[in-house]
Amino acid sequence: MTDKGLLLIISGFSGTGKGTVVNKLLTDFDDSYAVSVSATTRDPREGERDGVDYFFKTTEEFELMIENNELIEHACYVKNYYGTPRKFVEDKLDEGKNVILEIEIQGALDVKKLYPDCVLIFLLPPDVPELERRLKGRGSESDSVVKERLYRAVVEVEFAYKYDYLVINDDLDKCCKEIDTIVSAEKLNTKRNTVFIDNIEKELKGTFA
């Protein structure tokens, strides 16, 4: 059976708890998962480490990465570049790690074009009042910003149909177990195990040679 890791993309509205879910997956499942470390041109914040939190690059270095096709996806946000280094992701997949990309919807769909075997999971809250409660519960955003995020969610929910799976983040433990179950099932997919099937077929035919 395949021993290569699975590329897993998790997207969802602001306030669905994506970061919390990813951190729990890393903690609870026997070192099976790795989170893709992004490259960025922004300055490091206090306590951030190069190669752990981000790969910190100059603008020239980042643009050279773009030119050399070293990024799976990239975008410019508030005058800084952000992107997913191809080598880091592919090395981790070859090590057997299930690599998580926590990225926005357009980036996720772009990655799907490059890696058709990747699995897209759309994370949702149990209902809209709970989503609004979580956004307000942060205590760091004004009512106008909360409304803006809810309006953005109206646009984003239309893309849920383009994802492979839908997971509701109501109970954190249950949510993470469901994601891990999806990963386990995908690894047993016949399309990911054609070499194994072909070898069994050859062995069976060999018994009648």
N, C-alpha and C. Protein backbone atom coordinates (compact mmCIF):
# COMPACT_ATOMS: atom_id res chain seq x y z
N MET A 1 0.85 -1.19 0.00
CA MET A 1 0.00 0.00 0.00
C MET A 1 0.89 1.24 0.00
N THR A 2 0.32 2.38 -0.43
CA THR A 2 1.11 3.60 -0.52
C THR A 2 1.60 4.05 0.84
N ASP A 3 2.87 4.43 0.88
CA ASP A 3 3.42 4.97 2.13
C ASP A 3 3.70 6.46 2.00
N LYS A 4 3.25 7.05 0.90
CA LYS A 4 3.42 8.48 0.70
C LYS A 4 2.35 9.24 1.46
N GLY A 5 2.72 10.42 1.95
CA GLY A 5 1.76 11.23 2.68
C GLY A 5 0.70 11.82 1.79
N LEU A 6 -0.32 12.36 2.41
CA LEU A 6 -1.46 12.95 1.71
C LEU A 6 -1.39 14.47 1.84
N LEU A 7 -1.65 15.16 0.74
CA LEU A 7 -1.71 16.62 0.78
C LEU A 7 -3.13 17.02 1.12
N LEU A 8 -3.28 17.69 2.25
CA LEU A 8 -4.59 18.01 2.80
C LEU A 8 -4.74 19.53 2.91
N ILE A 9 -5.79 20.06 2.30
CA ILE A 9 -6.02 21.50 2.34
C ILE A 9 -7.27 21.79 3.16
N ILE A 10 -7.11 22.64 4.16
CA ILE A 10 -8.24 23.01 5.02
C ILE A 10 -8.53 24.49 4.83
N SER A 11 -9.77 24.78 4.45
CA SER A 11 -10.21 26.16 4.28
C SER A 11 -11.51 26.35 5.05
N GLY A 12 -11.91 27.60 5.18
CA GLY A 12 -13.18 27.89 5.86
C GLY A 12 -13.27 29.36 6.19
N PHE A 13 -14.44 29.76 6.67
CA PHE A 13 -14.65 31.16 7.03
C PHE A 13 -13.72 31.56 8.18
N SER A 14 -13.48 32.84 8.29
CA SER A 14 -12.85 33.37 9.49
C SER A 14 -13.78 33.09 10.66
N GLY A 15 -13.24 32.49 11.72
CA GLY A 15 -14.06 32.18 12.89
C GLY A 15 -14.48 30.74 13.00
N THR A 16 -14.10 29.91 12.02
CA THR A 16 -14.48 28.49 12.09
C THR A 16 -13.51 27.67 12.92
N GLY A 17 -12.38 28.26 13.31
CA GLY A 17 -11.43 27.55 14.17
C GLY A 17 -10.41 26.71 13.43
N LYS A 18 -10.03 27.14 12.23
CA LYS A 18 -9.09 26.36 11.41
C LYS A 18 -7.76 26.14 12.14
N GLY A 19 -7.21 27.22 12.71
CA GLY A 19 -5.93 27.10 13.39
C GLY A 19 -5.99 26.16 14.58
N THR A 20 -7.07 26.22 15.33
CA THR A 20 -7.24 25.34 16.50
C THR A 20 -7.32 23.88 16.06
N VAL A 21 -8.04 23.63 14.98
CA VAL A 21 -8.18 22.27 14.47
C VAL A 21 -6.82 21.74 14.00
N VAL A 22 -6.09 22.55 13.25
CA VAL A 22 -4.79 22.12 12.75
C VAL A 22 -3.84 21.80 13.90
N ASN A 23 -3.80 22.66 14.91
CA ASN A 23 -2.91 22.43 16.05
C ASN A 23 -3.26 21.14 16.79
N LYS A 24 -4.54 20.84 16.89
CA LYS A 24 -4.94 19.61 17.58
C LYS A 24 -4.59 18.37 16.76
N LEU A 25 -4.72 18.45 15.45
CA LEU A 25 -4.30 17.35 14.60
C LEU A 25 -2.82 17.05 14.79
N LEU A 26 -2.02 18.10 14.88
CA LEU A 26 -0.58 17.93 15.07
C LEU A 26 -0.27 17.29 16.43
N THR A 27 -1.07 17.63 17.42
CA THR A 27 -0.83 17.15 18.79
C THR A 27 -1.32 15.73 19.01
N ASP A 28 -2.46 15.38 18.42
CA ASP A 28 -3.18 14.16 18.82
C ASP A 28 -2.91 12.92 17.98
N PHE A 29 -2.27 13.05 16.82
CA PHE A 29 -2.23 11.91 15.92
C PHE A 29 -0.83 11.42 15.57
N ASP A 30 -0.06 11.16 16.63
CA ASP A 30 1.20 10.40 16.52
C ASP A 30 2.15 10.91 15.43
N ASP A 31 2.30 12.20 15.35
CA ASP A 31 3.28 12.75 14.42
C ASP A 31 2.97 12.39 12.96
N SER A 32 1.69 12.15 12.66
CA SER A 32 1.30 11.79 11.29
C SER A 32 1.19 13.00 10.38
N TYR A 33 1.04 14.18 10.98
CA TYR A 33 0.77 15.38 10.20
C TYR A 33 1.92 16.39 10.29
N ALA A 34 2.03 17.19 9.26
CA ALA A 34 2.96 18.32 9.25
C ALA A 34 2.24 19.49 8.60
N VAL A 35 2.53 20.68 9.07
CA VAL A 35 1.93 21.88 8.50
C VAL A 35 2.94 22.52 7.56
N SER A 36 2.49 22.86 6.38
CA SER A 36 3.37 23.54 5.43
C SER A 36 3.82 24.87 6.01
N VAL A 37 5.11 25.13 5.94
CA VAL A 37 5.67 26.40 6.40
C VAL A 37 5.75 27.35 5.20
N SER A 38 5.08 28.47 5.30
CA SER A 38 5.02 29.42 4.19
C SER A 38 6.27 30.28 4.13
N ALA A 39 6.55 30.77 2.93
CA ALA A 39 7.59 31.78 2.74
C ALA A 39 6.92 33.15 2.71
N THR A 40 7.61 34.15 3.23
CA THR A 40 7.05 35.50 3.23
C THR A 40 8.16 36.54 3.18
N THR A 41 7.80 37.72 2.69
CA THR A 41 8.76 38.83 2.67
C THR A 41 8.53 39.79 3.83
N ARG A 42 7.52 39.53 4.66
CA ARG A 42 7.32 40.44 5.79
C ARG A 42 8.39 40.20 6.86
N ASP A 43 8.57 41.20 7.71
CA ASP A 43 9.57 41.09 8.77
C ASP A 43 9.12 40.10 9.84
N PRO A 44 10.04 39.37 10.44
CA PRO A 44 9.68 38.45 11.54
C PRO A 44 9.10 39.22 12.73
N ARG A 45 8.07 38.65 13.35
CA ARG A 45 7.56 39.21 14.59
C ARG A 45 8.33 38.62 15.76
N GLU A 46 8.18 39.24 16.90
CA GLU A 46 8.91 38.79 18.07
C GLU A 46 8.63 37.31 18.36
N GLY A 47 9.68 36.53 18.49
CA GLY A 47 9.55 35.11 18.82
C GLY A 47 9.44 34.20 17.62
N GLU A 48 9.22 34.74 16.42
CA GLU A 48 9.12 33.91 15.22
C GLU A 48 10.50 33.45 14.77
N ARG A 49 10.56 32.19 14.31
CA ARG A 49 11.83 31.60 13.91
C ARG A 49 11.81 31.22 12.43
N ASP A 50 12.89 31.52 11.76
CA ASP A 50 13.01 31.18 10.35
C ASP A 50 13.03 29.66 10.18
N GLY A 51 12.21 29.16 9.25
CA GLY A 51 12.13 27.74 9.01
C GLY A 51 11.17 27.01 9.90
N VAL A 52 10.66 27.69 10.92
CA VAL A 52 9.67 27.10 11.84
C VAL A 52 8.32 27.77 11.66
N ASP A 53 8.30 29.08 11.85
CA ASP A 53 7.05 29.83 11.67
C ASP A 53 6.85 30.24 10.21
N TYR A 54 7.92 30.72 9.59
CA TYR A 54 7.95 31.08 8.17
C TYR A 54 9.36 30.89 7.65
N PHE A 55 9.48 30.84 6.33
CA PHE A 55 10.77 31.04 5.69
C PHE A 55 10.82 32.52 5.31
N PHE A 56 11.64 33.29 6.00
CA PHE A 56 11.68 34.72 5.76
C PHE A 56 12.63 35.02 4.60
N LYS A 57 12.10 35.72 3.60
CA LYS A 57 12.84 36.00 2.37
C LYS A 57 12.83 37.50 2.07
N THR A 58 13.85 37.94 1.35
CA THR A 58 13.81 39.29 0.79
C THR A 58 12.87 39.26 -0.42
N THR A 59 12.47 40.44 -0.87
CA THR A 59 11.61 40.51 -2.05
C THR A 59 12.32 39.89 -3.26
N GLU A 60 13.62 40.18 -3.38
CA GLU A 60 14.38 39.62 -4.50
C GLU A 60 14.42 38.10 -4.44
N GLU A 61 14.64 37.54 -3.25
CA GLU A 61 14.68 36.09 -3.09
C GLU A 61 13.32 35.46 -3.42
N PHE A 62 12.26 36.12 -2.97
CA PHE A 62 10.92 35.58 -3.21
C PHE A 62 10.60 35.61 -4.71
N GLU A 63 10.90 36.69 -5.35
CA GLU A 63 10.60 36.81 -6.79
C GLU A 63 11.42 35.81 -7.60
N LEU A 64 12.61 35.49 -7.11
CA LEU A 64 13.42 34.46 -7.77
C LEU A 64 12.77 33.09 -7.59
N MET A 65 12.17 32.86 -6.43
CA MET A 65 11.44 31.60 -6.20
C MET A 65 10.26 31.49 -7.17
N ILE A 66 9.57 32.60 -7.39
CA ILE A 66 8.46 32.60 -8.36
C ILE A 66 8.98 32.26 -9.75
N GLU A 67 10.06 32.93 -10.13
CA GLU A 67 10.64 32.74 -11.46
C GLU A 67 11.09 31.30 -11.68
N ASN A 68 11.61 30.67 -10.62
CA ASN A 68 12.13 29.30 -10.73
C ASN A 68 11.07 28.24 -10.45
N ASN A 69 9.80 28.67 -10.34
CA ASN A 69 8.69 27.74 -10.11
C ASN A 69 8.89 26.93 -8.82
N GLU A 70 9.37 27.60 -7.78
CA GLU A 70 9.63 26.92 -6.51
C GLU A 70 8.46 27.02 -5.54
N LEU A 71 7.36 27.66 -5.98
CA LEU A 71 6.21 27.84 -5.11
C LEU A 71 4.98 27.14 -5.69
N ILE A 72 4.23 26.48 -4.83
CA ILE A 72 2.98 25.85 -5.27
C ILE A 72 1.93 26.91 -5.55
N GLU A 73 1.87 27.90 -4.67
CA GLU A 73 0.95 29.03 -4.85
C GLU A 73 1.55 30.22 -4.12
N HIS A 74 1.17 31.42 -4.55
CA HIS A 74 1.66 32.61 -3.87
C HIS A 74 0.69 33.77 -4.09
N ALA A 75 0.78 34.75 -3.21
CA ALA A 75 -0.07 35.93 -3.33
C ALA A 75 0.64 37.10 -2.66
N CYS A 76 0.19 38.30 -3.01
CA CYS A 76 0.72 39.51 -2.39
C CYS A 76 -0.38 40.11 -1.54
N TYR A 77 -0.08 40.33 -0.25
CA TYR A 77 -1.08 40.85 0.69
C TYR A 77 -0.44 41.95 1.52
N VAL A 78 -1.03 43.14 1.50
CA VAL A 78 -0.52 44.31 2.23
C VAL A 78 0.97 44.51 1.94
N LYS A 79 1.31 44.52 0.66
CA LYS A 79 2.65 44.82 0.16
C LYS A 79 3.70 43.76 0.50
N ASN A 80 3.27 42.61 0.97
CA ASN A 80 4.21 41.52 1.24
C ASN A 80 3.79 40.27 0.50
N TYR A 81 4.76 39.49 0.06
CA TYR A 81 4.51 38.22 -0.60
C TYR A 81 4.33 37.12 0.45
N TYR A 82 3.44 36.18 0.12
CA TYR A 82 3.27 34.95 0.90
C TYR A 82 3.15 33.80 -0.10
N GLY A 83 3.74 32.65 0.23
CA GLY A 83 3.64 31.52 -0.70
C GLY A 83 4.01 30.21 -0.04
N THR A 84 3.68 29.12 -0.73
CA THR A 84 3.93 27.76 -0.24
C THR A 84 5.09 27.15 -1.01
N PRO A 85 6.24 26.94 -0.35
CA PRO A 85 7.40 26.35 -1.05
C PRO A 85 7.14 24.91 -1.48
N ARG A 86 7.40 24.63 -2.73
CA ARG A 86 7.15 23.31 -3.30
C ARG A 86 8.03 22.23 -2.65
N LYS A 87 9.32 22.52 -2.48
CA LYS A 87 10.26 21.49 -1.99
C LYS A 87 9.89 21.02 -0.59
N PHE A 88 9.55 21.96 0.30
CA PHE A 88 9.20 21.60 1.67
C PHE A 88 8.02 20.64 1.67
N VAL A 89 6.98 20.97 0.90
CA VAL A 89 5.78 20.12 0.86
C VAL A 89 6.10 18.75 0.30
N GLU A 90 6.80 18.69 -0.83
CA GLU A 90 7.05 17.41 -1.47
C GLU A 90 8.00 16.54 -0.66
N ASP A 91 8.97 17.16 0.03
CA ASP A 91 9.86 16.38 0.89
C ASP A 91 9.08 15.74 2.03
N LYS A 92 8.17 16.48 2.63
CA LYS A 92 7.37 15.94 3.74
C LYS A 92 6.44 14.82 3.26
N LEU A 93 5.87 14.99 2.07
CA LEU A 93 5.00 13.94 1.52
C LEU A 93 5.81 12.66 1.28
N ASP A 94 7.02 12.80 0.78
CA ASP A 94 7.87 11.64 0.53
C ASP A 94 8.27 10.95 1.84
N GLU A 95 8.33 11.72 2.93
CA GLU A 95 8.63 11.14 4.24
C GLU A 95 7.44 10.40 4.84
N GLY A 96 6.29 10.49 4.17
CA GLY A 96 5.09 9.83 4.67
C GLY A 96 4.21 10.72 5.53
N LYS A 97 4.55 12.00 5.65
CA LYS A 97 3.75 12.93 6.43
C LYS A 97 2.52 13.37 5.64
N ASN A 98 1.42 13.54 6.34
CA ASN A 98 0.24 14.15 5.75
C ASN A 98 0.39 15.66 5.93
N VAL A 99 0.59 16.36 4.81
CA VAL A 99 0.91 17.78 4.87
C VAL A 99 -0.36 18.62 4.80
N ILE A 100 -0.55 19.49 5.79
CA ILE A 100 -1.72 20.35 5.85
C ILE A 100 -1.38 21.74 5.32
N LEU A 101 -2.19 22.21 4.40
CA LEU A 101 -2.12 23.59 3.95
C LEU A 101 -3.39 24.28 4.43
N GLU A 102 -3.23 25.25 5.32
CA GLU A 102 -4.37 26.04 5.79
C GLU A 102 -4.38 27.33 4.98
N ILE A 103 -5.09 27.31 3.86
CA ILE A 103 -5.05 28.44 2.94
C ILE A 103 -6.46 28.83 2.50
N GLU A 104 -6.55 30.03 1.92
CA GLU A 104 -7.86 30.53 1.49
C GLU A 104 -8.33 29.80 0.23
N ILE A 105 -9.55 30.05 -0.14
CA ILE A 105 -10.23 29.23 -1.14
C ILE A 105 -9.57 29.29 -2.51
N GLN A 106 -9.24 30.48 -3.00
CA GLN A 106 -8.66 30.56 -4.34
C GLN A 106 -7.33 29.84 -4.39
N GLY A 107 -6.53 30.00 -3.34
CA GLY A 107 -5.26 29.29 -3.28
C GLY A 107 -5.47 27.79 -3.27
N ALA A 108 -6.49 27.34 -2.54
CA ALA A 108 -6.79 25.90 -2.48
C ALA A 108 -7.15 25.35 -3.85
N LEU A 109 -7.96 26.07 -4.58
CA LEU A 109 -8.38 25.61 -5.91
C LEU A 109 -7.21 25.63 -6.88
N ASP A 110 -6.29 26.57 -6.71
CA ASP A 110 -5.09 26.61 -7.56
C ASP A 110 -4.20 25.39 -7.28
N VAL A 111 -4.06 25.04 -6.01
CA VAL A 111 -3.25 23.87 -5.64
C VAL A 111 -3.87 22.60 -6.19
N LYS A 112 -5.20 22.53 -6.18
CA LYS A 112 -5.90 21.34 -6.69
C LYS A 112 -5.58 21.10 -8.16
N LYS A 113 -5.37 22.18 -8.91
CA LYS A 113 -5.03 22.03 -10.32
C LYS A 113 -3.64 21.41 -10.48
N LEU A 114 -2.73 21.77 -9.59
CA LEU A 114 -1.36 21.25 -9.65
C LEU A 114 -1.26 19.84 -9.06
N TYR A 115 -2.06 19.58 -8.03
CA TYR A 115 -2.03 18.29 -7.33
C TYR A 115 -3.46 17.73 -7.28
N PRO A 116 -3.91 17.12 -8.36
CA PRO A 116 -5.30 16.63 -8.41
C PRO A 116 -5.63 15.62 -7.31
N ASP A 117 -4.61 14.94 -6.76
CA ASP A 117 -4.85 13.96 -5.71
C ASP A 117 -4.98 14.57 -4.33
N CYS A 118 -4.76 15.87 -4.21
CA CYS A 118 -4.89 16.48 -2.88
C CYS A 118 -6.35 16.46 -2.45
N VAL A 119 -6.57 16.53 -1.15
CA VAL A 119 -7.91 16.44 -0.59
C VAL A 119 -8.30 17.80 0.00
N LEU A 120 -9.43 18.33 -0.46
CA LEU A 120 -9.92 19.63 0.00
C LEU A 120 -11.01 19.43 1.06
N ILE A 121 -10.80 20.03 2.23
CA ILE A 121 -11.79 19.96 3.31
C ILE A 121 -12.26 21.37 3.63
N PHE A 122 -13.57 21.54 3.59
CA PHE A 122 -14.17 22.83 3.92
C PHE A 122 -14.72 22.76 5.33
N LEU A 123 -14.19 23.61 6.21
CA LEU A 123 -14.60 23.63 7.61
C LEU A 123 -15.72 24.64 7.81
N LEU A 124 -16.78 24.22 8.50
CA LEU A 124 -17.92 25.10 8.75
C LEU A 124 -18.28 25.11 10.23
N PRO A 125 -18.88 26.21 10.71
CA PRO A 125 -19.42 26.23 12.07
C PRO A 125 -20.76 25.49 12.08
N PRO A 126 -21.29 25.16 13.26
CA PRO A 126 -22.59 24.46 13.29
C PRO A 126 -23.73 25.30 12.77
N ASP A 127 -23.64 26.63 12.96
CA ASP A 127 -24.68 27.53 12.45
C ASP A 127 -24.14 28.96 12.44
N VAL A 128 -24.89 29.86 11.84
CA VAL A 128 -24.44 31.25 11.70
C VAL A 128 -24.37 31.99 13.04
N PRO A 129 -25.35 31.83 13.95
CA PRO A 129 -25.22 32.50 15.25
C PRO A 129 -23.94 32.10 15.99
N GLU A 130 -23.54 30.83 15.88
CA GLU A 130 -22.30 30.40 16.53
C GLU A 130 -21.09 31.05 15.86
N LEU A 131 -21.13 31.16 14.55
CA LEU A 131 -20.03 31.82 13.83
C LEU A 131 -19.91 33.28 14.29
N GLU A 132 -21.03 33.97 14.40
CA GLU A 132 -21.02 35.36 14.84
C GLU A 132 -20.52 35.46 16.27
N ARG A 133 -20.93 34.52 17.13
CA ARG A 133 -20.49 34.52 18.52
C ARG A 133 -18.97 34.36 18.60
N ARG A 134 -18.41 33.47 17.78
CA ARG A 134 -16.97 33.25 17.80
C ARG A 134 -16.21 34.48 17.33
N LEU A 135 -16.72 35.12 16.29
CA LEU A 135 -16.06 36.32 15.77
C LEU A 135 -16.07 37.44 16.81
N LYS A 136 -17.20 37.63 17.46
CA LYS A 136 -17.30 38.67 18.48
C LYS A 136 -16.50 38.29 19.72
N GLY A 137 -16.40 36.99 19.98
CA GLY A 137 -15.70 36.51 21.16
C GLY A 137 -14.21 36.75 21.12
N ARG A 138 -13.67 37.03 19.96
CA ARG A 138 -12.25 37.35 19.87
C ARG A 138 -11.91 38.62 20.64
N GLY A 139 -12.88 39.55 20.67
CA GLY A 139 -12.68 40.79 21.40
C GLY A 139 -11.72 41.75 20.76
N SER A 140 -11.29 41.43 19.55
CA SER A 140 -10.29 42.28 18.89
C SER A 140 -10.82 42.94 17.63
N GLU A 141 -12.10 42.71 17.34
CA GLU A 141 -12.64 43.23 16.10
C GLU A 141 -13.92 44.01 16.37
N SER A 142 -14.08 45.11 15.66
CA SER A 142 -15.27 45.95 15.80
C SER A 142 -16.47 45.26 15.16
N ASP A 143 -17.65 45.78 15.45
CA ASP A 143 -18.88 45.23 14.86
C ASP A 143 -18.83 45.32 13.35
N SER A 144 -18.25 46.40 12.82
CA SER A 144 -18.18 46.56 11.37
C SER A 144 -17.28 45.50 10.74
N VAL A 145 -16.19 45.15 11.42
CA VAL A 145 -15.29 44.11 10.91
C VAL A 145 -15.98 42.75 10.97
N VAL A 146 -16.72 42.49 12.04
CA VAL A 146 -17.46 41.24 12.16
C VAL A 146 -18.46 41.12 11.01
N LYS A 147 -19.18 42.19 10.72
CA LYS A 147 -20.14 42.19 9.61
C LYS A 147 -19.44 41.95 8.28
N GLU A 148 -18.25 42.55 8.14
CA GLU A 148 -17.48 42.37 6.90
C GLU A 148 -17.08 40.90 6.73
N ARG A 149 -16.69 40.26 7.82
CA ARG A 149 -16.30 38.85 7.75
C ARG A 149 -17.51 37.96 7.45
N LEU A 150 -18.65 38.31 8.01
CA LEU A 150 -19.87 37.55 7.73
C LEU A 150 -20.28 37.72 6.26
N TYR A 151 -20.13 38.94 5.74
CA TYR A 151 -20.45 39.17 4.34
C TYR A 151 -19.51 38.36 3.44
N ARG A 152 -18.24 38.31 3.81
CA ARG A 152 -17.27 37.52 3.03
C ARG A 152 -17.66 36.04 3.07
N ALA A 153 -18.18 35.60 4.20
CA ALA A 153 -18.61 34.20 4.33
C ALA A 153 -19.75 33.88 3.36
N VAL A 154 -20.61 34.85 3.11
CA VAL A 154 -21.70 34.66 2.13
C VAL A 154 -21.14 34.32 0.76
N VAL A 155 -20.05 34.98 0.40
CA VAL A 155 -19.39 34.73 -0.89
C VAL A 155 -18.67 33.39 -0.86
N GLU A 156 -17.95 33.14 0.23
CA GLU A 156 -17.12 31.94 0.31
C GLU A 156 -17.92 30.64 0.35
N VAL A 157 -19.10 30.66 0.95
CA VAL A 157 -19.86 29.41 1.11
C VAL A 157 -20.25 28.81 -0.24
N GLU A 158 -20.33 29.64 -1.27
CA GLU A 158 -20.68 29.14 -2.59
C GLU A 158 -19.61 28.21 -3.15
N PHE A 159 -18.38 28.33 -2.63
CA PHE A 159 -17.28 27.50 -3.11
C PHE A 159 -17.20 26.16 -2.39
N ALA A 160 -18.02 25.96 -1.37
CA ALA A 160 -17.98 24.71 -0.61
C ALA A 160 -18.21 23.50 -1.52
N TYR A 161 -19.02 23.69 -2.57
CA TYR A 161 -19.33 22.57 -3.48
C TYR A 161 -18.11 22.12 -4.27
N LYS A 162 -17.08 22.94 -4.33
CA LYS A 162 -15.87 22.57 -5.07
C LYS A 162 -14.91 21.73 -4.21
N TYR A 163 -15.22 21.59 -2.94
CA TYR A 163 -14.37 20.84 -2.02
C TYR A 163 -14.80 19.38 -1.98
N ASP A 164 -13.89 18.52 -1.51
CA ASP A 164 -14.18 17.09 -1.47
C ASP A 164 -15.01 16.69 -0.26
N TYR A 165 -14.77 17.35 0.87
CA TYR A 165 -15.44 16.98 2.11
C TYR A 165 -15.85 18.23 2.89
N LEU A 166 -16.90 18.06 3.67
CA LEU A 166 -17.40 19.10 4.55
C LEU A 166 -17.29 18.58 5.99
N VAL A 167 -16.67 19.35 6.86
CA VAL A 167 -16.56 18.96 8.28
C VAL A 167 -17.06 20.11 9.13
N ILE A 168 -17.94 19.79 10.08
CA ILE A 168 -18.50 20.78 10.98
C ILE A 168 -17.65 20.85 12.24
N ASN A 169 -17.17 22.04 12.57
CA ASN A 169 -16.39 22.21 13.79
C ASN A 169 -17.31 22.68 14.91
N ASP A 170 -18.00 21.72 15.50
CA ASP A 170 -18.86 21.99 16.65
C ASP A 170 -18.16 21.47 17.90
N ASP A 171 -17.81 20.18 17.87
CA ASP A 171 -17.03 19.55 18.93
C ASP A 171 -15.62 19.33 18.38
N LEU A 172 -14.60 19.92 19.01
CA LEU A 172 -13.24 19.89 18.47
C LEU A 172 -12.70 18.48 18.32
N ASP A 173 -12.87 17.65 19.35
CA ASP A 173 -12.38 16.26 19.28
C ASP A 173 -13.02 15.50 18.12
N LYS A 174 -14.34 15.63 18.01
CA LYS A 174 -15.08 14.94 16.95
C LYS A 174 -14.64 15.44 15.58
N CYS A 175 -14.47 16.75 15.46
CA CYS A 175 -14.05 17.35 14.19
C CYS A 175 -12.71 16.79 13.74
N CYS A 176 -11.74 16.73 14.64
CA CYS A 176 -10.40 16.24 14.28
C CYS A 176 -10.42 14.75 13.97
N LYS A 177 -11.20 13.98 14.69
CA LYS A 177 -11.31 12.55 14.41
C LYS A 177 -11.92 12.31 13.03
N GLU A 178 -12.89 13.14 12.65
CA GLU A 178 -13.50 13.02 11.33
C GLU A 178 -12.49 13.32 10.23
N ILE A 179 -11.68 14.34 10.44
CA ILE A 179 -10.65 14.67 9.44
C ILE A 179 -9.65 13.53 9.32
N ASP A 180 -9.21 12.98 10.45
CA ASP A 180 -8.26 11.86 10.42
C ASP A 180 -8.88 10.63 9.76
N THR A 181 -10.17 10.42 9.95
CA THR A 181 -10.87 9.31 9.29
C THR A 181 -10.89 9.51 7.77
N ILE A 182 -11.11 10.75 7.34
CA ILE A 182 -11.08 11.07 5.91
C ILE A 182 -9.72 10.73 5.33
N VAL A 183 -8.66 11.13 6.03
CA VAL A 183 -7.29 10.87 5.56
C VAL A 183 -7.05 9.36 5.47
N SER A 184 -7.46 8.62 6.48
CA SER A 184 -7.26 7.17 6.48
C SER A 184 -8.00 6.51 5.31
N ALA A 185 -9.23 6.96 5.07
CA ALA A 185 -10.02 6.39 3.97
C ALA A 185 -9.40 6.72 2.62
N GLU A 186 -8.94 7.96 2.47
CA GLU A 186 -8.33 8.37 1.20
C GLU A 186 -7.08 7.56 0.89
N LYS A 187 -6.33 7.19 1.93
CA LYS A 187 -5.11 6.40 1.71
C LYS A 187 -5.42 4.98 1.24
N LEU A 188 -6.66 4.54 1.44
CA LEU A 188 -7.08 3.22 0.97
C LEU A 188 -7.76 3.29 -0.39
N ASN A 189 -7.87 4.49 -0.93
CA ASN A 189 -8.50 4.66 -2.24
C ASN A 189 -7.74 3.88 -3.30
N THR A 190 -8.46 3.17 -4.15
CA THR A 190 -7.80 2.34 -5.16
C THR A 190 -6.91 3.16 -6.10
N LYS A 191 -7.29 4.40 -6.37
CA LYS A 191 -6.50 5.24 -7.27
C LYS A 191 -5.12 5.56 -6.69
N ARG A 192 -5.00 5.51 -5.36
CA ARG A 192 -3.71 5.79 -4.73
C ARG A 192 -2.87 4.51 -4.56
N ASN A 193 -3.42 3.38 -4.92
CA ASN A 193 -2.75 2.11 -4.66
C ASN A 193 -2.68 1.22 -5.89
N THR A 194 -2.57 1.84 -7.06
CA THR A 194 -2.55 1.07 -8.30
C THR A 194 -1.32 0.16 -8.39
N VAL A 195 -0.18 0.62 -7.87
CA VAL A 195 1.04 -0.20 -7.93
C VAL A 195 0.84 -1.47 -7.12
N PHE A 196 0.26 -1.34 -5.93
CA PHE A 196 0.02 -2.50 -5.07
C PHE A 196 -0.93 -3.48 -5.75
N ILE A 197 -2.00 -2.96 -6.35
CA ILE A 197 -2.97 -3.81 -7.03
C ILE A 197 -2.32 -4.53 -8.21
N ASP A 198 -1.51 -3.78 -8.98
CA ASP A 198 -0.82 -4.38 -10.13
C ASP A 198 0.11 -5.50 -9.69
N ASN A 199 0.81 -5.31 -8.57
CA ASN A 199 1.73 -6.34 -8.09
C ASN A 199 0.99 -7.60 -7.66
N ILE A 200 -0.16 -7.41 -6.99
CA ILE A 200 -0.98 -8.56 -6.59
C ILE A 200 -1.46 -9.31 -7.83
N GLU A 201 -1.88 -8.54 -8.85
CA GLU A 201 -2.34 -9.16 -10.09
C GLU A 201 -1.24 -9.98 -10.75
N LYS A 202 -0.01 -9.44 -10.77
CA LYS A 202 1.12 -10.17 -11.38
C LYS A 202 1.41 -11.44 -10.60
N GLU A 203 1.38 -11.36 -9.26
CA GLU A 203 1.63 -12.53 -8.43
C GLU A 203 0.59 -13.61 -8.67
N LEU A 204 -0.66 -13.18 -8.77
CA LEU A 204 -1.74 -14.15 -9.01
C LEU A 204 -1.57 -14.84 -10.35
N LYS A 205 -1.27 -14.06 -11.37
CA LYS A 205 -1.09 -14.63 -12.70
C LYS A 205 0.14 -15.55 -12.73
N GLY A 206 1.16 -15.19 -11.90
CA GLY A 206 2.37 -16.00 -11.86
C GLY A 206 2.14 -17.40 -11.29
N THR A 207 1.12 -17.54 -10.48
CA THR A 207 0.85 -18.86 -9.91
C THR A 207 0.33 -19.85 -10.97
N PHE A 208 -0.10 -19.33 -12.11
CA PHE A 208 -0.62 -20.19 -13.18
C PHE A 208 0.36 -20.29 -14.37
N ALA A 209 1.52 -19.66 -14.21
CA ALA A 209 2.50 -19.69 -15.29
C ALA A 209 3.11 -21.07 -15.46
